[in-house]
Amino acid sequence: MSKKVGLVGHCGPDSAYLQMAVRGIDKSVEVVSIDDEAELHRLLLAGVDLLLINRVLDFGFDDTEGVNVIAKLHSHDPKLKMMLVSNYPESQAAAVAAGALLGFGKRDLGSAKVKDMLREALSLAGAASEGQRPQKQP
């Protein structure tokens, strides 16, 4: 069964780069760009294995802060796997505190570290057990 990744709130060029990064670890992964709240709800109903959420959502969403979107989604489905795409450590910390897995910044795309993070989040070969999250900071 193929895995599905949703790219939430990313511009066209960033979506293309993220798609290349995800498909670079496994060509069978389906990658879907999500540009508004309605598309996000449809994807959640259909099922998704991982959401890669932009730090700032441009338009089409009820909330423009990626961390707030993570918190809202986590409160409805604590098992939903999400990662924030941001270069800012304070934003990553806030996302983890809100219920996300530790994410990464766009400048790190293509690195071995990000490939390993994506493999683990998607529970692909060599990944940690499902549901394992980094410890939240007090």
N, C-alpha and C. Protein backbone atom coordinates (compact mmCIF):
# COMPACT_ATOMS: atom_id res chain seq x y z
N MET A 1 0.84 -1.18 0.00
CA MET A 1 0.00 0.00 0.00
C MET A 1 0.88 1.24 0.00
N SER A 2 0.58 2.15 -0.88
CA SER A 2 1.37 3.37 -1.04
C SER A 2 1.11 4.35 0.11
N LYS A 3 2.12 5.07 0.49
CA LYS A 3 2.01 6.11 1.51
C LYS A 3 1.56 7.40 0.84
N LYS A 4 0.91 8.28 1.64
CA LYS A 4 0.44 9.57 1.11
C LYS A 4 0.93 10.69 2.01
N VAL A 5 1.51 11.73 1.38
CA VAL A 5 2.01 12.91 2.08
C VAL A 5 1.27 14.13 1.57
N GLY A 6 0.80 14.97 2.49
CA GLY A 6 0.15 16.22 2.12
C GLY A 6 1.08 17.39 2.37
N LEU A 7 1.23 18.25 1.37
CA LEU A 7 2.03 19.47 1.49
C LEU A 7 1.06 20.61 1.73
N VAL A 8 1.05 21.13 2.95
CA VAL A 8 0.02 22.09 3.36
C VAL A 8 0.55 23.52 3.34
N GLY A 9 -0.03 24.35 2.44
CA GLY A 9 0.25 25.77 2.43
C GLY A 9 1.56 26.20 1.83
N HIS A 10 2.10 25.43 0.92
CA HIS A 10 3.38 25.77 0.29
C HIS A 10 3.15 26.37 -1.09
N CYS A 11 3.99 27.31 -1.48
CA CYS A 11 3.91 27.89 -2.82
C CYS A 11 4.33 26.83 -3.85
N GLY A 12 4.07 27.10 -5.11
CA GLY A 12 4.38 26.16 -6.19
C GLY A 12 5.82 25.67 -6.22
N PRO A 13 6.80 26.59 -6.23
CA PRO A 13 8.19 26.13 -6.28
C PRO A 13 8.59 25.30 -5.05
N ASP A 14 8.14 25.72 -3.87
CA ASP A 14 8.46 24.96 -2.66
C ASP A 14 7.78 23.59 -2.69
N SER A 15 6.54 23.54 -3.17
CA SER A 15 5.83 22.26 -3.29
C SER A 15 6.59 21.31 -4.21
N ALA A 16 7.08 21.83 -5.32
CA ALA A 16 7.82 21.00 -6.26
C ALA A 16 9.10 20.45 -5.62
N TYR A 17 9.79 21.30 -4.88
CA TYR A 17 11.04 20.88 -4.22
C TYR A 17 10.75 19.86 -3.12
N LEU A 18 9.68 20.09 -2.34
CA LEU A 18 9.30 19.14 -1.30
C LEU A 18 8.88 17.81 -1.91
N GLN A 19 8.14 17.87 -3.01
CA GLN A 19 7.72 16.64 -3.67
C GLN A 19 8.93 15.84 -4.13
N MET A 20 9.92 16.52 -4.70
CA MET A 20 11.14 15.82 -5.13
C MET A 20 11.84 15.18 -3.95
N ALA A 21 11.87 15.87 -2.81
CA ALA A 21 12.53 15.34 -1.62
C ALA A 21 11.82 14.09 -1.12
N VAL A 22 10.49 14.16 -1.05
CA VAL A 22 9.71 13.02 -0.55
C VAL A 22 9.80 11.84 -1.53
N ARG A 23 9.60 12.11 -2.79
CA ARG A 23 9.64 11.03 -3.79
C ARG A 23 11.07 10.49 -3.94
N GLY A 24 12.05 11.28 -3.54
CA GLY A 24 13.43 10.83 -3.58
C GLY A 24 13.73 9.71 -2.60
N ILE A 25 12.93 9.59 -1.54
CA ILE A 25 13.15 8.50 -0.59
C ILE A 25 12.36 7.25 -0.97
N ASP A 26 11.26 7.46 -1.73
CA ASP A 26 10.44 6.33 -2.18
C ASP A 26 9.53 6.83 -3.29
N LYS A 27 9.75 6.37 -4.49
CA LYS A 27 8.99 6.85 -5.66
C LYS A 27 7.51 6.48 -5.60
N SER A 28 7.14 5.52 -4.76
CA SER A 28 5.74 5.10 -4.69
C SER A 28 4.91 6.02 -3.78
N VAL A 29 5.55 6.93 -3.05
CA VAL A 29 4.81 7.83 -2.16
C VAL A 29 4.01 8.81 -2.99
N GLU A 30 2.72 8.92 -2.67
CA GLU A 30 1.85 9.89 -3.34
C GLU A 30 1.98 11.21 -2.58
N VAL A 31 2.24 12.29 -3.30
CA VAL A 31 2.39 13.62 -2.70
C VAL A 31 1.30 14.51 -3.25
N VAL A 32 0.55 15.14 -2.32
CA VAL A 32 -0.59 15.97 -2.68
C VAL A 32 -0.38 17.37 -2.14
N SER A 33 -0.53 18.39 -2.98
CA SER A 33 -0.45 19.79 -2.53
C SER A 33 -1.81 20.23 -2.02
N ILE A 34 -1.83 20.84 -0.85
CA ILE A 34 -3.06 21.30 -0.21
C ILE A 34 -2.98 22.83 -0.11
N ASP A 35 -3.90 23.51 -0.81
CA ASP A 35 -3.85 24.96 -0.88
C ASP A 35 -4.96 25.67 -0.11
N ASP A 36 -5.89 24.90 0.47
CA ASP A 36 -6.94 25.56 1.25
C ASP A 36 -7.56 24.59 2.26
N GLU A 37 -8.38 25.14 3.12
CA GLU A 37 -8.99 24.39 4.21
C GLU A 37 -9.85 23.23 3.70
N ALA A 38 -10.62 23.46 2.64
CA ALA A 38 -11.49 22.41 2.11
C ALA A 38 -10.68 21.22 1.59
N GLU A 39 -9.58 21.49 0.88
CA GLU A 39 -8.72 20.41 0.39
C GLU A 39 -8.10 19.63 1.56
N LEU A 40 -7.72 20.35 2.61
CA LEU A 40 -7.13 19.70 3.78
C LEU A 40 -8.14 18.75 4.41
N HIS A 41 -9.38 19.19 4.57
CA HIS A 41 -10.41 18.32 5.16
C HIS A 41 -10.67 17.10 4.29
N ARG A 42 -10.69 17.27 2.97
CA ARG A 42 -10.90 16.13 2.07
C ARG A 42 -9.75 15.12 2.21
N LEU A 43 -8.53 15.62 2.30
CA LEU A 43 -7.38 14.73 2.44
C LEU A 43 -7.43 13.98 3.77
N LEU A 44 -7.79 14.68 4.83
CA LEU A 44 -7.88 14.02 6.14
C LEU A 44 -8.94 12.93 6.13
N LEU A 45 -10.06 13.16 5.47
CA LEU A 45 -11.12 12.15 5.38
C LEU A 45 -10.67 10.95 4.54
N ALA A 46 -9.90 11.21 3.48
CA ALA A 46 -9.43 10.15 2.59
C ALA A 46 -8.30 9.35 3.23
N GLY A 47 -7.57 9.97 4.14
CA GLY A 47 -6.44 9.32 4.79
C GLY A 47 -5.11 9.84 4.28
N VAL A 48 -4.23 10.12 5.21
CA VAL A 48 -2.91 10.64 4.88
C VAL A 48 -1.92 10.11 5.92
N ASP A 49 -0.69 9.85 5.49
CA ASP A 49 0.32 9.30 6.39
C ASP A 49 1.17 10.38 7.05
N LEU A 50 1.31 11.54 6.40
CA LEU A 50 2.15 12.61 6.92
C LEU A 50 1.74 13.93 6.29
N LEU A 51 1.67 14.98 7.12
CA LEU A 51 1.46 16.34 6.62
C LEU A 51 2.73 17.13 6.83
N LEU A 52 3.20 17.82 5.79
CA LEU A 52 4.32 18.74 5.88
C LEU A 52 3.72 20.14 5.80
N ILE A 53 3.67 20.81 6.93
CA ILE A 53 2.94 22.07 7.06
C ILE A 53 3.89 23.25 7.04
N ASN A 54 3.60 24.22 6.19
CA ASN A 54 4.41 25.43 6.09
C ASN A 54 4.27 26.25 7.37
N ARG A 55 5.31 26.98 7.73
CA ARG A 55 5.27 27.82 8.93
C ARG A 55 4.22 28.91 8.80
N VAL A 56 4.13 29.51 7.62
CA VAL A 56 3.13 30.54 7.36
C VAL A 56 2.34 30.13 6.12
N LEU A 57 1.03 30.00 6.28
CA LEU A 57 0.15 29.61 5.18
C LEU A 57 -0.32 30.87 4.48
N ASP A 58 -0.16 30.93 3.18
CA ASP A 58 -0.42 32.15 2.42
C ASP A 58 -1.87 32.57 2.43
N PHE A 59 -2.77 31.71 2.03
CA PHE A 59 -4.19 32.07 1.94
C PHE A 59 -5.00 30.78 1.86
N GLY A 60 -6.31 30.88 2.01
CA GLY A 60 -7.17 29.72 1.85
C GLY A 60 -7.37 28.89 3.10
N PHE A 61 -6.71 29.29 4.19
CA PHE A 61 -6.82 28.54 5.44
C PHE A 61 -7.44 29.42 6.51
N ASP A 62 -8.15 28.79 7.45
CA ASP A 62 -8.76 29.53 8.55
C ASP A 62 -7.72 30.21 9.42
N ASP A 63 -6.55 29.60 9.53
CA ASP A 63 -5.46 30.14 10.33
C ASP A 63 -4.21 30.18 9.46
N THR A 64 -3.43 31.25 9.52
CA THR A 64 -2.24 31.37 8.68
C THR A 64 -0.96 30.91 9.36
N GLU A 65 -1.04 30.53 10.64
CA GLU A 65 0.14 30.06 11.38
C GLU A 65 0.19 28.54 11.38
N GLY A 66 1.24 27.97 10.82
CA GLY A 66 1.37 26.52 10.75
C GLY A 66 1.30 25.84 12.11
N VAL A 67 1.90 26.43 13.13
CA VAL A 67 1.88 25.84 14.47
C VAL A 67 0.46 25.76 15.00
N ASN A 68 -0.36 26.78 14.73
CA ASN A 68 -1.76 26.76 15.17
C ASN A 68 -2.54 25.67 14.44
N VAL A 69 -2.26 25.47 13.17
CA VAL A 69 -2.91 24.41 12.41
C VAL A 69 -2.53 23.05 13.00
N ILE A 70 -1.28 22.88 13.34
CA ILE A 70 -0.82 21.64 13.96
C ILE A 70 -1.56 21.39 15.27
N ALA A 71 -1.64 22.40 16.12
CA ALA A 71 -2.33 22.25 17.41
C ALA A 71 -3.78 21.85 17.22
N LYS A 72 -4.45 22.50 16.28
CA LYS A 72 -5.87 22.20 16.01
C LYS A 72 -6.03 20.76 15.51
N LEU A 73 -5.22 20.38 14.55
CA LEU A 73 -5.32 19.02 14.00
C LEU A 73 -4.97 17.97 15.06
N HIS A 74 -3.96 18.26 15.86
CA HIS A 74 -3.54 17.32 16.91
C HIS A 74 -4.65 17.11 17.94
N SER A 75 -5.39 18.18 18.25
CA SER A 75 -6.46 18.05 19.24
C SER A 75 -7.58 17.15 18.71
N HIS A 76 -7.77 17.09 17.39
CA HIS A 76 -8.80 16.23 16.79
C HIS A 76 -8.29 14.82 16.52
N ASP A 77 -7.00 14.69 16.25
CA ASP A 77 -6.42 13.38 15.93
C ASP A 77 -4.97 13.33 16.41
N PRO A 78 -4.76 12.92 17.67
CA PRO A 78 -3.41 12.89 18.24
C PRO A 78 -2.43 11.95 17.52
N LYS A 79 -2.94 11.02 16.72
CA LYS A 79 -2.06 10.08 16.01
C LYS A 79 -1.62 10.59 14.64
N LEU A 80 -2.21 11.69 14.19
CA LEU A 80 -1.86 12.26 12.90
C LEU A 80 -0.41 12.72 12.91
N LYS A 81 0.36 12.27 11.93
CA LYS A 81 1.77 12.65 11.85
C LYS A 81 1.91 13.93 11.05
N MET A 82 2.57 14.90 11.65
CA MET A 82 2.78 16.20 11.01
C MET A 82 4.20 16.66 11.29
N MET A 83 4.74 17.44 10.37
CA MET A 83 6.03 18.09 10.54
C MET A 83 5.90 19.52 10.04
N LEU A 84 6.53 20.44 10.76
CA LEU A 84 6.57 21.83 10.33
C LEU A 84 7.78 22.02 9.42
N VAL A 85 7.58 22.74 8.33
CA VAL A 85 8.68 23.08 7.45
C VAL A 85 9.06 24.52 7.76
N SER A 86 10.17 24.67 8.48
CA SER A 86 10.65 25.98 8.91
C SER A 86 12.11 25.88 9.31
N ASN A 87 12.86 26.93 9.00
CA ASN A 87 14.26 27.00 9.40
C ASN A 87 14.43 27.54 10.82
N TYR A 88 13.35 28.02 11.44
CA TYR A 88 13.44 28.66 12.75
C TYR A 88 13.33 27.65 13.89
N PRO A 89 14.37 27.50 14.72
CA PRO A 89 14.34 26.55 15.83
C PRO A 89 13.17 26.80 16.80
N GLU A 90 12.84 28.07 17.05
CA GLU A 90 11.74 28.35 17.98
C GLU A 90 10.40 27.91 17.41
N SER A 91 10.24 27.97 16.10
CA SER A 91 9.02 27.49 15.46
C SER A 91 8.96 25.96 15.51
N GLN A 92 10.10 25.32 15.31
CA GLN A 92 10.15 23.86 15.41
C GLN A 92 9.78 23.40 16.83
N ALA A 93 10.32 24.09 17.83
CA ALA A 93 10.01 23.74 19.22
C ALA A 93 8.52 23.92 19.51
N ALA A 94 7.94 25.00 19.02
CA ALA A 94 6.51 25.24 19.22
C ALA A 94 5.67 24.17 18.52
N ALA A 95 6.10 23.74 17.33
CA ALA A 95 5.37 22.71 16.60
C ALA A 95 5.41 21.37 17.34
N VAL A 96 6.57 21.01 17.87
CA VAL A 96 6.69 19.77 18.64
C VAL A 96 5.81 19.85 19.89
N ALA A 97 5.82 20.99 20.55
CA ALA A 97 4.98 21.18 21.74
C ALA A 97 3.49 21.08 21.38
N ALA A 98 3.14 21.44 20.15
CA ALA A 98 1.74 21.39 19.69
C ALA A 98 1.33 20.01 19.22
N GLY A 99 2.30 19.09 19.08
CA GLY A 99 1.96 17.71 18.71
C GLY A 99 2.61 17.19 17.45
N ALA A 100 3.49 17.95 16.83
CA ALA A 100 4.14 17.51 15.59
C ALA A 100 5.41 16.71 15.89
N LEU A 101 5.85 15.98 14.89
CA LEU A 101 7.19 15.41 14.92
C LEU A 101 8.16 16.55 14.63
N LEU A 102 9.40 16.39 15.02
CA LEU A 102 10.40 17.41 14.70
C LEU A 102 10.51 17.53 13.19
N GLY A 103 10.39 18.76 12.68
CA GLY A 103 10.44 19.00 11.25
C GLY A 103 11.81 19.49 10.81
N PHE A 104 11.82 20.20 9.70
CA PHE A 104 13.07 20.63 9.08
C PHE A 104 12.82 21.91 8.30
N GLY A 105 13.91 22.55 7.91
CA GLY A 105 13.84 23.76 7.11
C GLY A 105 14.06 23.47 5.64
N LYS A 106 13.61 24.38 4.80
CA LYS A 106 13.74 24.19 3.35
C LYS A 106 15.20 24.13 2.93
N ARG A 107 16.06 24.85 3.63
CA ARG A 107 17.47 24.84 3.22
C ARG A 107 18.13 23.48 3.48
N ASP A 108 17.48 22.62 4.29
CA ASP A 108 18.03 21.30 4.57
C ASP A 108 17.48 20.20 3.66
N LEU A 109 16.53 20.57 2.79
CA LEU A 109 15.97 19.57 1.87
C LEU A 109 17.09 18.94 1.05
N GLY A 110 16.99 17.66 0.85
CA GLY A 110 18.01 16.94 0.09
C GLY A 110 19.11 16.39 0.95
N SER A 111 19.17 16.80 2.22
CA SER A 111 20.22 16.30 3.11
C SER A 111 19.87 14.89 3.59
N ALA A 112 20.89 14.16 3.99
CA ALA A 112 20.69 12.81 4.52
C ALA A 112 19.83 12.86 5.79
N LYS A 113 19.99 13.90 6.59
CA LYS A 113 19.22 14.03 7.82
C LYS A 113 17.72 14.13 7.52
N VAL A 114 17.34 14.96 6.56
CA VAL A 114 15.92 15.12 6.21
C VAL A 114 15.39 13.83 5.59
N LYS A 115 16.17 13.18 4.76
CA LYS A 115 15.74 11.90 4.19
C LYS A 115 15.45 10.90 5.30
N ASP A 116 16.32 10.82 6.29
CA ASP A 116 16.09 9.92 7.42
C ASP A 116 14.85 10.31 8.21
N MET A 117 14.65 11.60 8.42
CA MET A 117 13.47 12.07 9.15
C MET A 117 12.19 11.68 8.41
N LEU A 118 12.18 11.86 7.10
CA LEU A 118 11.00 11.51 6.30
C LEU A 118 10.77 10.00 6.29
N ARG A 119 11.84 9.23 6.14
CA ARG A 119 11.70 7.76 6.18
C ARG A 119 11.10 7.32 7.51
N GLU A 120 11.61 7.88 8.59
CA GLU A 120 11.11 7.51 9.92
C GLU A 120 9.65 7.92 10.08
N ALA A 121 9.31 9.13 9.68
CA ALA A 121 7.93 9.61 9.81
C ALA A 121 6.96 8.75 9.00
N LEU A 122 7.42 8.27 7.86
CA LEU A 122 6.58 7.43 7.01
C LEU A 122 6.72 5.95 7.35
N SER A 123 7.52 5.65 8.37
CA SER A 123 7.76 4.27 8.80
C SER A 123 8.25 3.40 7.66
N LEU A 124 9.16 3.95 6.87
CA LEU A 124 9.76 3.18 5.79
C LEU A 124 10.97 2.43 6.34
N ALA A 125 11.63 1.68 5.52
CA ALA A 125 12.74 0.82 5.95
C ALA A 125 13.68 1.52 6.91
N GLY A 126 13.95 0.86 8.02
CA GLY A 126 14.88 1.38 9.01
C GLY A 126 14.29 2.40 9.95
N ALA A 127 13.00 2.60 9.88
CA ALA A 127 12.36 3.63 10.71
C ALA A 127 12.07 3.12 12.10
N ALA A 128 11.91 4.06 13.03
CA ALA A 128 11.51 3.73 14.40
C ALA A 128 10.06 3.30 14.40
N SER A 129 9.61 2.72 15.51
CA SER A 129 8.23 2.24 15.60
C SER A 129 7.24 3.39 15.46
N GLU A 130 6.07 3.06 14.90
CA GLU A 130 5.04 4.08 14.66
C GLU A 130 4.59 4.69 15.97
N GLY A 131 4.28 5.99 15.91
CA GLY A 131 3.79 6.67 17.08
C GLY A 131 4.88 7.24 17.97
N GLN A 132 6.14 6.92 17.70
CA GLN A 132 7.21 7.44 18.52
C GLN A 132 7.45 8.89 18.15
N ARG A 133 7.38 9.77 19.14
CA ARG A 133 7.56 11.20 18.93
C ARG A 133 8.70 11.69 19.79
N PRO A 134 9.35 12.75 19.37
CA PRO A 134 10.36 13.35 20.23
C PRO A 134 9.71 13.81 21.54
N GLN A 135 10.47 13.80 22.59
CA GLN A 135 9.95 14.27 23.88
C GLN A 135 9.62 15.76 23.80
N LYS A 136 8.47 16.12 24.33
CA LYS A 136 8.08 17.53 24.38
C LYS A 136 8.88 18.22 25.47
N GLN A 137 9.25 19.44 25.16
CA GLN A 137 10.01 20.23 26.13
C GLN A 137 9.07 20.76 27.21
N PRO A 138 9.50 20.75 28.49
CA PRO A 138 8.64 21.26 29.56
C PRO A 138 8.42 22.76 29.45
